[in-house]
C-alpha atoms as a PDB file:
ATOM      1  CA  UNK A   1      42.590 169.366 -34.476  1.00  0.00           C
ATOM      2  CA  UNK A   2      45.839 170.723 -35.928  1.00  0.00           C
ATOM      3  CA  UNK A   3      44.118 173.416 -37.999  1.00  0.00           C
ATOM      4  CA  UNK A   4      42.256 174.696 -34.947  1.00  0.00           C
ATOM      5  CA  UNK A   5      45.495 175.122 -33.015  1.00  0.00           C
ATOM      6  CA  UNK A   6      47.125 176.982 -35.922  1.00  0.00           C
ATOM      7  CA  UNK A   7      44.080 179.226 -36.340  1.00  0.00           C
ATOM      8  CA  UNK A   8      44.081 180.161 -32.631  1.00  0.00           C
ATOM      9  CA  UNK A   9      47.807 180.882 -32.688  1.00  0.00           C
ATOM     10  CA  UNK A  10      47.486 182.882 -35.896  1.00  0.00           C
ATOM     11  CA  UNK A  11      44.650 184.968 -34.436  1.00  0.00           C
ATOM     12  CA  UNK A  12      46.682 185.942 -31.388  1.00  0.00           C
ATOM     13  CA  UNK A  13      49.730 186.706 -33.508  1.00  0.00           C
ATOM     14  CA  UNK A  14      47.817 188.860 -35.994  1.00  0.00           C
ATOM     15  CA  UNK A  15      46.887 191.318 -33.228  1.00  0.00           C
ATOM     16  CA  UNK A  16      50.391 191.549 -31.786  1.00  0.00           C
ATOM     17  CA  UNK A  17      52.540 191.415 -34.921  1.00  0.00           C
ATOM     18  CA  UNK A  18      52.126 195.091 -35.965  1.00  0.00           C
ATOM     19  CA  UNK A  19      53.254 196.166 -32.491  1.00  0.00           C
ATOM     20  CA  UNK A  20      56.246 193.819 -32.632  1.00  0.00           C
ATOM     21  CA  UNK A  21      57.210 195.238 -36.024  1.00  0.00           C
ATOM     22  CA  UNK A  22      56.829 198.812 -34.699  1.00  0.00           C
ATOM     23  CA  UNK A  23      59.096 198.027 -31.753  1.00  0.00           C
ATOM     24  CA  UNK A  24      61.719 196.480 -34.035  1.00  0.00           C
ATOM     25  CA  UNK A  25      61.620 199.444 -36.386  1.00  0.00           C
ATOM     26  CA  UNK A  26      61.861 201.875 -33.482  1.00  0.00           C
ATOM     27  CA  UNK A  27      64.921 200.093 -32.131  1.00  0.00           C
ATOM     28  CA  UNK A  28      66.651 200.098 -35.501  1.00  0.00           C
ATOM     29  CA  UNK A  29      65.869 203.760 -36.185  1.00  0.00           C
ATOM     30  CA  UNK A  30      66.964 204.810 -32.720  1.00  0.00           C
ATOM     31  CA  UNK A  31      70.252 202.919 -32.911  1.00  0.00           C
ATOM     32  CA  UNK A  32      70.940 204.236 -36.404  1.00  0.00           C
ATOM     33  CA  UNK A  33      70.336 207.823 -35.336  1.00  0.00           C
ATOM     34  CA  UNK A  34      72.380 207.233 -32.179  1.00  0.00           C
ATOM     35  CA  UNK A  35      75.383 206.230 -34.287  1.00  0.00           C
ATOM     36  CA  UNK A  36      75.213 209.536 -36.142  1.00  0.00           C
ATOM     37  CA  UNK A  37      74.432 211.857 -33.222  1.00  0.00           C
ATOM     38  CA  UNK A  38      73.495 210.702 -29.690  1.00  0.00           C
ATOM     39  CA  UNK A  39      70.691 213.229 -28.945  1.00  0.00           C
ATOM     40  CA  UNK A  40      69.067 212.338 -32.270  1.00  0.00           C
ATOM     41  CA  UNK A  41      68.886 208.724 -31.088  1.00  0.00           C
ATOM     42  CA  UNK A  42      67.123 209.735 -27.892  1.00  0.00           C
ATOM     43  CA  UNK A  43      64.686 211.981 -29.774  1.00  0.00           C
ATOM     44  CA  UNK A  44      63.923 209.199 -32.255  1.00  0.00           C
ATOM     45  CA  UNK A  45      63.325 206.758 -29.399  1.00  0.00           C
ATOM     46  CA  UNK A  46      60.946 209.237 -27.755  1.00  0.00           C
ATOM     47  CA  UNK A  47      58.929 209.708 -30.926  1.00  0.00           C
ATOM     48  CA  UNK A  48      58.872 205.947 -31.458  1.00  0.00           C
ATOM     49  CA  UNK A  49      57.447 205.412 -27.978  1.00  0.00           C
ATOM     50  CA  UNK A  50      54.728 207.955 -28.693  1.00  0.00           C
ATOM     51  CA  UNK A  51      53.807 206.151 -31.915  1.00  0.00           C
ATOM     52  CA  UNK A  52      53.822 202.729 -30.260  1.00  0.00           C
ATOM     53  CA  UNK A  53      51.621 203.987 -27.398  1.00  0.00           C
ATOM     54  CA  UNK A  54      49.253 205.486 -29.964  1.00  0.00           C
ATOM     55  CA  UNK A  55      49.126 202.152 -31.824  1.00  0.00           C
ATOM     56  CA  UNK A  56      48.377 200.182 -28.656  1.00  0.00           C
ATOM     57  CA  UNK A  57      46.095 202.540 -26.730  1.00  0.00           C
ATOM     58  CA  UNK A  58      44.846 204.930 -29.415  1.00  0.00           C
ATOM     59  CA  UNK A  59      41.634 204.625 -31.343  1.00  0.00           C
END
């Protein structure tokens, strides 16, 4: 019974984990660029959103 629950949870997590990691990386990159130069942070965030949308909805 316990292994079945872990397997179900692991299956759901394996599909979402790359997106979670992409979001975390996008936030860190955007904040890092924002500390150097504010428009660079906004541009980085925009590119990150494009990549995340491509990962979720792209083929």
